[in-house]
C-alpha cells in the first residue's frame, strides 16, 4: 500500500488524552499517531488500563482528545457521526424492539432522506442476512442468545454504511465456540465489503487471525504505541490451517513476547 493511500483515509495524529486536573490529573494516552488504509483491518491490543477504549472512543467522536487530531478522508472529526459505527462488548439493543426494528431504527435515521421505505426495508434485511439473523428478526433481544445479540449489533453498525467500523471487544463476553463463529463471520463480512475496521481485543489469537496489522500499546499511564506488527498471512484465512502455520506462530509469538515485556502476566494468552 502506498503512503499516499494511507494518509488519505484514517489518520490519527499526535493524539493525547488526560483526565482530571491538579493532583487528580491522569495522562491516559501520549502522542498516538497511526495511519490506516482504506479496507485495512487493525487490531489494538494491550493490558487493561492502557487506553485502548479511550483511543477508540476518540476516533468514534465519543470522547474529546486533550490534543492531537483524527482525520477521515482528509476531514477532521471530533464528534460522533454515521461514518464511524461502534460495536461495544455490550450489545446495547433496545429490549422492547424486535431484531428487525433495532436495525431498522438505525437505517431510518441515516437513510430517511435518501432511501424510500421499501429500500430501507430491503437494506435492513440485507444487513441481517450478512450476520445470518433473518430467521430471528421478529424476536426481541430477551429471546435470543448473547452471540445472536452481538450479530444484531454488528448488523446495525453495518447498516449505517460506515466508512470505519469500530469494534470494542465485541466478543469478550461470549463463550469460546460462539466467539469463534462470530470471528469467522466478521472475516467473511470484511472480505465481502472491504470495510475498514479498528478492533480492540485482549485475545492474541483473535488479533492475529483477523487483522492486517496489530497495534501493541504500552502499559498506562501515558500509554503509547509500543510496536506495530504486520500480519504476513494471505486472505482468506482458515483457522484450522493456521494452527501449524509458521507465520501465524511467529506473529503470535511476537505479540505475546511484547506483552510479557510490558507486564508480569499476559492477559491476552
C-alpha atoms as a PDB file:
ATOM      1  CA  UNK A   1       0.000   0.000   0.000  1.00  0.00           C
ATOM      2  CA  UNK A   2       1.292   3.451  -0.793  1.00  0.00           C
ATOM      3  CA  UNK A   3       1.898   6.066   1.871  1.00  0.00           C
ATOM      4  CA  UNK A   4      -0.412   8.433  -0.002  1.00  0.00           C
ATOM      5  CA  UNK A   5      -3.290   5.965   0.130  1.00  0.00           C
ATOM      6  CA  UNK A   6      -2.904   5.517   3.898  1.00  0.00           C
ATOM      7  CA  UNK A   7      -2.649   9.241   4.539  1.00  0.00           C
ATOM      8  CA  UNK A   8      -5.823   9.981   2.629  1.00  0.00           C
ATOM      9  CA  UNK A   9      -8.049   7.668   4.671  1.00  0.00           C
ATOM     10  CA  UNK A  10      -7.983   7.423   8.502  1.00  0.00           C
ATOM     11  CA  UNK A  11      -5.199   9.296  10.259  1.00  0.00           C
ATOM     12  CA  UNK A  12      -4.587   9.685  13.996  1.00  0.00           C
ATOM     13  CA  UNK A  13      -2.034  12.434  14.597  1.00  0.00           C
ATOM     14  CA  UNK A  14      -0.180  13.156  17.863  1.00  0.00           C
ATOM     15  CA  UNK A  15      -3.199  12.248  19.976  1.00  0.00           C
ATOM     16  CA  UNK A  16      -3.032  12.845  23.738  1.00  0.00           C
ATOM     17  CA  UNK A  17      -5.692  12.374  26.396  1.00  0.00           C
ATOM     18  CA  UNK A  18      -5.628  13.499  30.017  1.00  0.00           C
ATOM     19  CA  UNK A  19      -8.395  13.155  32.585  1.00  0.00           C
ATOM     20  CA  UNK A  20      -8.766  15.328  35.674  1.00  0.00           C
ATOM     21  CA  UNK A  21      -6.568  18.184  36.833  1.00  0.00           C
ATOM     22  CA  UNK A  22      -4.064  19.028  39.534  1.00  0.00           C
ATOM     23  CA  UNK A  23      -3.159  16.083  41.756  1.00  0.00           C
ATOM     24  CA  UNK A  24      -6.005  14.092  40.227  1.00  0.00           C
ATOM     25  CA  UNK A  25      -4.611  14.547  36.722  1.00  0.00           C
ATOM     26  CA  UNK A  26      -4.095  11.279  34.849  1.00  0.00           C
ATOM     27  CA  UNK A  27      -2.451  11.078  31.440  1.00  0.00           C
ATOM     28  CA  UNK A  28      -4.008   8.124  29.622  1.00  0.00           C
ATOM     29  CA  UNK A  29      -2.624   8.469  26.086  1.00  0.00           C
ATOM     30  CA  UNK A  30       0.562  10.214  24.949  1.00  0.00           C
ATOM     31  CA  UNK A  31       1.408  11.149  21.357  1.00  0.00           C
ATOM     32  CA  UNK A  32      -0.511   8.438  19.478  1.00  0.00           C
ATOM     33  CA  UNK A  33      -0.061   8.548  15.701  1.00  0.00           C
ATOM     34  CA  UNK A  34      -1.452   5.943  13.316  1.00  0.00           C
ATOM     35  CA  UNK A  35      -2.302   5.816   9.604  1.00  0.00           C
ATOM     36  CA  UNK A  36      -4.921   3.322   8.460  1.00  0.00           C
ATOM     37  CA  UNK A  37      -5.546   2.412   4.820  1.00  0.00           C
ATOM     38  CA  UNK A  38      -8.977   2.021   3.294  1.00  0.00           C
ATOM     39  CA  UNK A  39     -10.108  -1.577   3.786  1.00  0.00           C
ATOM     40  CA  UNK A  40      -7.446  -2.342   6.387  1.00  0.00           C
ATOM     41  CA  UNK A  41      -8.263  -4.404   9.497  1.00  0.00           C
ATOM     42  CA  UNK A  42      -6.386  -3.108  12.550  1.00  0.00           C
ATOM     43  CA  UNK A  43      -6.322  -4.867  15.931  1.00  0.00           C
ATOM     44  CA  UNK A  44      -5.357  -2.854  19.021  1.00  0.00           C
ATOM     45  CA  UNK A  45      -4.033  -4.937  21.890  1.00  0.00           C
ATOM     46  CA  UNK A  46      -2.546  -4.230  25.300  1.00  0.00           C
ATOM     47  CA  UNK A  47      -3.070  -4.783  29.003  1.00  0.00           C
ATOM     48  CA  UNK A  48      -6.010  -3.322  30.931  1.00  0.00           C
ATOM     49  CA  UNK A  49      -5.651   0.375  31.593  1.00  0.00           C
ATOM     50  CA  UNK A  50      -3.516   1.142  28.543  1.00  0.00           C
ATOM     51  CA  UNK A  51      -6.167   3.395  26.974  1.00  0.00           C
ATOM     52  CA  UNK A  52      -7.367   1.145  24.151  1.00  0.00           C
ATOM     53  CA  UNK A  53     -11.038   2.007  24.623  1.00  0.00           C
ATOM     54  CA  UNK A  54     -10.212   5.673  25.137  1.00  0.00           C
ATOM     55  CA  UNK A  55      -8.403   5.708  21.794  1.00  0.00           C
ATOM     56  CA  UNK A  56     -11.343   4.017  20.068  1.00  0.00           C
ATOM     57  CA  UNK A  57     -13.812   6.420  21.668  1.00  0.00           C
ATOM     58  CA  UNK A  58     -11.798   9.410  20.462  1.00  0.00           C
ATOM     59  CA  UNK A  59     -11.827   8.059  16.897  1.00  0.00           C
ATOM     60  CA  UNK A  60     -15.582   7.494  17.269  1.00  0.00           C
ATOM     61  CA  UNK A  61     -16.051  11.074  18.480  1.00  0.00           C
ATOM     62  CA  UNK A  62     -17.467   9.919  21.827  1.00  0.00           C
ATOM     63  CA  UNK A  63     -14.519  11.305  23.812  1.00  0.00           C
ATOM     64  CA  UNK A  64     -12.696  14.555  23.136  1.00  0.00           C
ATOM     65  CA  UNK A  65      -8.914  14.446  22.786  1.00  0.00           C
ATOM     66  CA  UNK A  66      -6.853  16.732  25.001  1.00  0.00           C
ATOM     67  CA  UNK A  67      -4.640  17.435  21.997  1.00  0.00           C
ATOM     68  CA  UNK A  68      -3.984  15.979  18.586  1.00  0.00           C
ATOM     69  CA  UNK A  69      -6.274  15.174  15.679  1.00  0.00           C
ATOM     70  CA  UNK A  70      -8.268  12.486  13.926  1.00  0.00           C
ATOM     71  CA  UNK A  71      -8.791  12.820  10.173  1.00  0.00           C
ATOM     72  CA  UNK A  72     -11.061  10.701   7.977  1.00  0.00           C
ATOM     73  CA  UNK A  73     -10.533  11.195   4.252  1.00  0.00           C
ATOM     74  CA  UNK A  74      -8.753  14.457   4.988  1.00  0.00           C
ATOM     75  CA  UNK A  75     -11.552  15.892   7.163  1.00  0.00           C
ATOM     76  CA  UNK A  76     -11.031  16.403  10.883  1.00  0.00           C
ATOM     77  CA  UNK A  77     -13.540  14.532  13.033  1.00  0.00           C
ATOM     78  CA  UNK A  78     -14.193  15.354  16.684  1.00  0.00           C
ATOM     79  CA  UNK A  79     -17.785  14.299  17.270  1.00  0.00           C
ATOM     80  CA  UNK A  80     -19.885  11.187  16.556  1.00  0.00           C
ATOM     81  CA  UNK A  81     -21.035  10.564  13.001  1.00  0.00           C
ATOM     82  CA  UNK A  82     -22.528   7.780  10.869  1.00  0.00           C
ATOM     83  CA  UNK A  83     -19.205   7.444   9.042  1.00  0.00           C
ATOM     84  CA  UNK A  84     -17.836   5.731  12.200  1.00  0.00           C
ATOM     85  CA  UNK A  85     -20.033   2.998  13.695  1.00  0.00           C
ATOM     86  CA  UNK A  86     -19.211   1.373  17.035  1.00  0.00           C
ATOM     87  CA  UNK A  87     -19.981  -2.144  18.285  1.00  0.00           C
ATOM     88  CA  UNK A  88     -19.400  -2.470  22.027  1.00  0.00           C
ATOM     89  CA  UNK A  89     -18.953  -5.590  24.161  1.00  0.00           C
ATOM     90  CA  UNK A  90     -22.424  -4.806  25.491  1.00  0.00           C
ATOM     91  CA  UNK A  91     -24.759  -5.096  22.506  1.00  0.00           C
ATOM     92  CA  UNK A  92     -26.875  -2.043  23.562  1.00  0.00           C
ATOM     93  CA  UNK A  93     -30.018  -3.261  21.810  1.00  0.00           C
ATOM     94  CA  UNK A  94     -33.371  -1.739  22.729  1.00  0.00           C
ATOM     95  CA  UNK A  95     -35.166  -4.572  24.559  1.00  0.00           C
ATOM     96  CA  UNK A  96     -38.681  -3.543  23.551  1.00  0.00           C
ATOM     97  CA  UNK A  97     -37.886  -3.650  19.816  1.00  0.00           C
ATOM     98  CA  UNK A  98     -37.555  -6.719  17.623  1.00  0.00           C
ATOM     99  CA  UNK A  99     -34.277  -7.677  15.984  1.00  0.00           C
ATOM    100  CA  UNK A 100     -35.548  -6.189  12.724  1.00  0.00           C
ATOM    101  CA  UNK A 101     -36.671  -2.940  14.374  1.00  0.00           C
ATOM    102  CA  UNK A 102     -33.356  -2.489  16.202  1.00  0.00           C
ATOM    103  CA  UNK A 103     -31.572  -2.464  12.848  1.00  0.00           C
ATOM    104  CA  UNK A 104     -34.327  -0.589  11.017  1.00  0.00           C
ATOM    105  CA  UNK A 105     -34.137   2.227  13.576  1.00  0.00           C
ATOM    106  CA  UNK A 106     -30.539   2.954  12.543  1.00  0.00           C
ATOM    107  CA  UNK A 107     -31.393   2.605   8.844  1.00  0.00           C
ATOM    108  CA  UNK A 108     -34.270   5.095   9.129  1.00  0.00           C
ATOM    109  CA  UNK A 109     -32.105   7.594  10.981  1.00  0.00           C
ATOM    110  CA  UNK A 110     -29.345   7.531   8.383  1.00  0.00           C
ATOM    111  CA  UNK A 111     -31.250   6.997   5.137  1.00  0.00           C
ATOM    112  CA  UNK A 112     -34.728   8.508   5.631  1.00  0.00           C
ATOM    113  CA  UNK A 113     -33.936  11.342   3.223  1.00  0.00           C
ATOM    114  CA  UNK A 114     -32.182   9.217   0.588  1.00  0.00           C
ATOM    115  CA  UNK A 115     -34.000   5.848   0.502  1.00  0.00           C
ATOM    116  CA  UNK A 116     -37.674   5.007   0.192  1.00  0.00           C
ATOM    117  CA  UNK A 117     -39.373   2.952   2.888  1.00  0.00           C
ATOM    118  CA  UNK A 118     -39.190  -0.117   0.648  1.00  0.00           C
ATOM    119  CA  UNK A 119     -35.486   0.466   0.028  1.00  0.00           C
ATOM    120  CA  UNK A 120     -34.860   0.878   3.753  1.00  0.00           C
ATOM    121  CA  UNK A 121     -36.700  -2.390   4.379  1.00  0.00           C
ATOM    122  CA  UNK A 122     -34.542  -4.212   1.829  1.00  0.00           C
ATOM    123  CA  UNK A 123     -31.393  -2.656   3.244  1.00  0.00           C
ATOM    124  CA  UNK A 124     -32.348  -3.767   6.760  1.00  0.00           C
ATOM    125  CA  UNK A 125     -32.893  -7.318   5.525  1.00  0.00           C
ATOM    126  CA  UNK A 126     -29.630  -7.245   3.590  1.00  0.00           C
ATOM    127  CA  UNK A 127     -27.639  -6.440   6.718  1.00  0.00           C
ATOM    128  CA  UNK A 128     -29.468  -9.031   8.809  1.00  0.00           C
ATOM    129  CA  UNK A 129     -28.597 -11.554   6.103  1.00  0.00           C
ATOM    130  CA  UNK A 130     -24.917 -10.647   6.428  1.00  0.00           C
ATOM    131  CA  UNK A 131     -24.947 -11.874  10.025  1.00  0.00           C
ATOM    132  CA  UNK A 132     -27.439 -14.720   9.422  1.00  0.00           C
ATOM    133  CA  UNK A 133     -30.184 -13.238  11.598  1.00  0.00           C
ATOM    134  CA  UNK A 134     -33.190 -13.019   9.250  1.00  0.00           C
ATOM    135  CA  UNK A 135     -34.718 -16.148  10.793  1.00  0.00           C
ATOM    136  CA  UNK A 136     -34.842 -14.415  14.196  1.00  0.00           C
ATOM    137  CA  UNK A 137     -35.765 -10.928  13.003  1.00  0.00           C
ATOM    138  CA  UNK A 138     -39.175 -10.939  14.752  1.00  0.00           C
ATOM    139  CA  UNK A 139     -37.712 -11.896  18.125  1.00  0.00           C
ATOM    140  CA  UNK A 140     -36.818  -9.421  20.866  1.00  0.00           C
ATOM    141  CA  UNK A 141     -33.351  -9.283  22.497  1.00  0.00           C
ATOM    142  CA  UNK A 142     -34.577 -11.152  25.565  1.00  0.00           C
ATOM    143  CA  UNK A 143     -35.500 -14.098  23.362  1.00  0.00           C
ATOM    144  CA  UNK A 144     -32.114 -14.634  21.715  1.00  0.00           C
ATOM    145  CA  UNK A 145     -28.617 -15.661  22.861  1.00  0.00           C
ATOM    146  CA  UNK A 146     -25.688 -13.378  23.629  1.00  0.00           C
ATOM    147  CA  UNK A 147     -23.971 -14.306  20.388  1.00  0.00           C
ATOM    148  CA  UNK A 148     -27.102 -13.516  18.398  1.00  0.00           C
ATOM    149  CA  UNK A 149     -27.391 -10.148  20.132  1.00  0.00           C
ATOM    150  CA  UNK A 150     -23.850  -9.319  19.062  1.00  0.00           C
ATOM    151  CA  UNK A 151     -24.706 -10.291  15.484  1.00  0.00           C
ATOM    152  CA  UNK A 152     -27.604  -7.834  15.585  1.00  0.00           C
ATOM    153  CA  UNK A 153     -25.280  -5.146  16.945  1.00  0.00           C
ATOM    154  CA  UNK A 154     -22.879  -5.776  14.057  1.00  0.00           C
ATOM    155  CA  UNK A 155     -25.760  -5.709  11.552  1.00  0.00           C
ATOM    156  CA  UNK A 156     -26.985  -2.406  12.984  1.00  0.00           C
ATOM    157  CA  UNK A 157     -23.499  -0.888  12.670  1.00  0.00           C
ATOM    158  CA  UNK A 158     -23.030  -2.179   9.117  1.00  0.00           C
ATOM    159  CA  UNK A 159     -26.479  -0.897   8.130  1.00  0.00           C
ATOM    160  CA  UNK A 160     -25.216   2.640   8.673  1.00  0.00           C
ATOM    161  CA  UNK A 161     -22.722   2.116   5.803  1.00  0.00           C
ATOM    162  CA  UNK A 162     -19.866   3.460   7.919  1.00  0.00           C
ATOM    163  CA  UNK A 163     -16.510   4.294   6.445  1.00  0.00           C
ATOM    164  CA  UNK A 164     -14.891   2.849   9.566  1.00  0.00           C
ATOM    165  CA  UNK A 165     -16.240   0.042  11.755  1.00  0.00           C
ATOM    166  CA  UNK A 166     -15.043   0.304  15.378  1.00  0.00           C
ATOM    167  CA  UNK A 167     -15.218  -2.885  17.462  1.00  0.00           C
ATOM    168  CA  UNK A 168     -14.620  -2.602  21.219  1.00  0.00           C
ATOM    169  CA  UNK A 169     -14.006  -6.182  22.373  1.00  0.00           C
ATOM    170  CA  UNK A 170     -17.244  -7.280  20.676  1.00  0.00           C
ATOM    171  CA  UNK A 171     -16.754 -10.968  21.530  1.00  0.00           C
ATOM    172  CA  UNK A 172     -15.252 -10.580  25.004  1.00  0.00           C
ATOM    173  CA  UNK A 173     -18.322 -11.789  26.922  1.00  0.00           C
ATOM    174  CA  UNK A 174     -19.040 -14.795  24.694  1.00  0.00           C
ATOM    175  CA  UNK A 175     -18.147 -18.456  25.095  1.00  0.00           C
ATOM    176  CA  UNK A 176     -15.275 -19.828  23.008  1.00  0.00           C
ATOM    177  CA  UNK A 177     -17.397 -21.567  20.355  1.00  0.00           C
ATOM    178  CA  UNK A 178     -19.694 -18.569  19.822  1.00  0.00           C
ATOM    179  CA  UNK A 179     -16.674 -16.278  19.711  1.00  0.00           C
ATOM    180  CA  UNK A 180     -15.004 -18.431  17.049  1.00  0.00           C
ATOM    181  CA  UNK A 181     -18.185 -18.484  14.965  1.00  0.00           C
ATOM    182  CA  UNK A 182     -18.527 -14.696  15.081  1.00  0.00           C
ATOM    183  CA  UNK A 183     -14.857 -14.255  14.215  1.00  0.00           C
ATOM    184  CA  UNK A 184     -15.499 -16.297  11.070  1.00  0.00           C
ATOM    185  CA  UNK A 185     -18.482 -14.102  10.219  1.00  0.00           C
ATOM    186  CA  UNK A 186     -16.509 -10.900  10.731  1.00  0.00           C
ATOM    187  CA  UNK A 187     -13.766 -12.218   8.427  1.00  0.00           C
ATOM    188  CA  UNK A 188     -16.359 -13.049   5.781  1.00  0.00           C
ATOM    189  CA  UNK A 189     -18.055  -9.647   6.088  1.00  0.00           C
ATOM    190  CA  UNK A 190     -14.686  -7.917   5.805  1.00  0.00           C
ATOM    191  CA  UNK A 191     -13.907  -9.975   2.684  1.00  0.00           C
ATOM    192  CA  UNK A 192     -17.314  -9.211   1.142  1.00  0.00           C
ATOM    193  CA  UNK A 193     -17.498  -5.497   1.961  1.00  0.00           C
ATOM    194  CA  UNK A 194     -13.841  -4.468   2.142  1.00  0.00           C
ATOM    195  CA  UNK A 195     -14.672  -2.239   5.098  1.00  0.00           C
ATOM    196  CA  UNK A 196     -12.093  -0.518   7.286  1.00  0.00           C
ATOM    197  CA  UNK A 197     -12.022  -1.943  10.818  1.00  0.00           C
ATOM    198  CA  UNK A 198     -10.403  -0.965  14.119  1.00  0.00           C
ATOM    199  CA  UNK A 199     -10.883  -3.637  16.761  1.00  0.00           C
ATOM    200  CA  UNK A 200      -9.861  -3.710  20.417  1.00  0.00           C
ATOM    201  CA  UNK A 201      -9.091  -7.153  21.770  1.00  0.00           C
ATOM    202  CA  UNK A 202      -7.323  -8.877  24.658  1.00  0.00           C
ATOM    203  CA  UNK A 203      -7.041 -12.087  22.650  1.00  0.00           C
ATOM    204  CA  UNK A 204      -3.738 -12.616  20.837  1.00  0.00           C
ATOM    205  CA  UNK A 205      -5.065 -15.390  18.599  1.00  0.00           C
ATOM    206  CA  UNK A 206      -8.035 -13.238  17.613  1.00  0.00           C
ATOM    207  CA  UNK A 207      -5.760 -10.316  16.733  1.00  0.00           C
ATOM    208  CA  UNK A 208      -3.513 -12.460  14.523  1.00  0.00           C
ATOM    209  CA  UNK A 209      -6.410 -14.308  12.878  1.00  0.00           C
ATOM    210  CA  UNK A 210      -8.453 -11.234  11.953  1.00  0.00           C
ATOM    211  CA  UNK A 211      -6.121  -8.325  11.382  1.00  0.00           C
ATOM    212  CA  UNK A 212      -3.738  -6.975   8.766  1.00  0.00           C
ATOM    213  CA  UNK A 213      -1.750  -5.088  11.404  1.00  0.00           C
ATOM    214  CA  UNK A 214      -1.599  -5.268  15.191  1.00  0.00           C
ATOM    215  CA  UNK A 215      -1.106  -2.106  17.255  1.00  0.00           C
ATOM    216  CA  UNK A 216       0.592  -3.060  20.540  1.00  0.00           C
ATOM    217  CA  UNK A 217       0.067  -0.499  23.306  1.00  0.00           C
ATOM    218  CA  UNK A 218       2.463   0.091  26.176  1.00  0.00           C
ATOM    219  CA  UNK A 219       1.115  -0.019  29.720  1.00  0.00           C
ATOM    220  CA  UNK A 220      -0.562   3.063  31.133  1.00  0.00           C
ATOM    221  CA  UNK A 221      -0.451   5.683  32.379  1.00  0.00           C
ATOM    222  CA  UNK A 222       0.697   7.759  29.401  1.00  0.00           C
ATOM    223  CA  UNK A 223       0.337   4.769  27.087  1.00  0.00           C
ATOM    224  CA  UNK A 224       1.896   4.913  23.641  1.00  0.00           C
ATOM    225  CA  UNK A 225       2.094   2.668  20.607  1.00  0.00           C
ATOM    226  CA  UNK A 226       4.934   0.348  21.535  1.00  0.00           C
ATOM    227  CA  UNK A 227       5.123  -1.652  18.324  1.00  0.00           C
ATOM    228  CA  UNK A 228       3.263  -2.162  15.066  1.00  0.00           C
ATOM    229  CA  UNK A 229       3.236  -5.671  13.629  1.00  0.00           C
ATOM    230  CA  UNK A 230       2.144  -6.509  10.084  1.00  0.00           C
ATOM    231  CA  UNK A 231       0.496  -9.946   9.946  1.00  0.00           C
ATOM    232  CA  UNK A 232       2.016 -11.745   6.907  1.00  0.00           C
ATOM    233  CA  UNK A 233      -0.933 -14.043   6.256  1.00  0.00           C
ATOM    234  CA  UNK A 234      -2.819 -14.181   2.971  1.00  0.00           C
ATOM    235  CA  UNK A 235      -6.617 -13.973   2.888  1.00  0.00           C
ATOM    236  CA  UNK A 236      -8.929 -15.799   3.088  1.00  0.00           C
ATOM    237  CA  UNK A 237      -7.698 -17.367   6.319  1.00  0.00           C
ATOM    238  CA  UNK A 238      -8.643 -20.751   7.692  1.00  0.00           C
ATOM    239  CA  UNK A 239      -8.392 -21.096  11.461  1.00  0.00           C
ATOM    240  CA  UNK A 240      -7.504 -24.803  11.419  1.00  0.00           C
ATOM    241  CA  UNK A 241      -4.906 -24.450   8.676  1.00  0.00           C
ATOM    242  CA  UNK A 242      -3.190 -21.648  10.579  1.00  0.00           C
ATOM    243  CA  UNK A 243      -2.594 -23.686  13.736  1.00  0.00           C
ATOM    244  CA  UNK A 244       0.670 -25.072  12.353  1.00  0.00           C
ATOM    245  CA  UNK A 245       1.482 -22.169  10.020  1.00  0.00           C
ATOM    246  CA  UNK A 246       4.970 -20.773  10.714  1.00  0.00           C
ATOM    247  CA  UNK A 247       3.970 -17.161  10.009  1.00  0.00           C
ATOM    248  CA  UNK A 248       0.945 -17.425  12.302  1.00  0.00           C
ATOM    249  CA  UNK A 249       3.052 -18.917  15.090  1.00  0.00           C
ATOM    250  CA  UNK A 250       5.713 -16.242  14.642  1.00  0.00           C
ATOM    251  CA  UNK A 251       3.147 -13.407  14.739  1.00  0.00           C
ATOM    252  CA  UNK A 252       1.506 -14.851  17.829  1.00  0.00           C
ATOM    253  CA  UNK A 253       4.888 -15.196  19.497  1.00  0.00           C
ATOM    254  CA  UNK A 254       5.858 -11.626  18.685  1.00  0.00           C
ATOM    255  CA  UNK A 255       2.718 -10.204  20.289  1.00  0.00           C
ATOM    256  CA  UNK A 256       2.998 -12.446  23.347  1.00  0.00           C
ATOM    257  CA  UNK A 257       6.655 -11.510  23.767  1.00  0.00           C
ATOM    258  CA  UNK A 258       5.732  -7.802  23.664  1.00  0.00           C
ATOM    259  CA  UNK A 259       3.024  -8.278  26.264  1.00  0.00           C
ATOM    260  CA  UNK A 260       5.371 -10.279  28.507  1.00  0.00           C
ATOM    261  CA  UNK A 261       7.905  -7.469  28.382  1.00  0.00           C
ATOM    262  CA  UNK A 262       5.236  -4.984  29.471  1.00  0.00           C
ATOM    263  CA  UNK A 263       3.875  -6.920  32.417  1.00  0.00           C
ATOM    264  CA  UNK A 264       4.489  -9.848  34.738  1.00  0.00           C
ATOM    265  CA  UNK A 265       1.419 -11.569  33.341  1.00  0.00           C
ATOM    266  CA  UNK A 266      -0.265 -11.866  29.963  1.00  0.00           C
ATOM    267  CA  UNK A 267      -3.989 -11.222  29.962  1.00  0.00           C
ATOM    268  CA  UNK A 268      -4.341 -11.974  26.267  1.00  0.00           C
ATOM    269  CA  UNK A 269      -2.928 -15.507  26.128  1.00  0.00           C
END
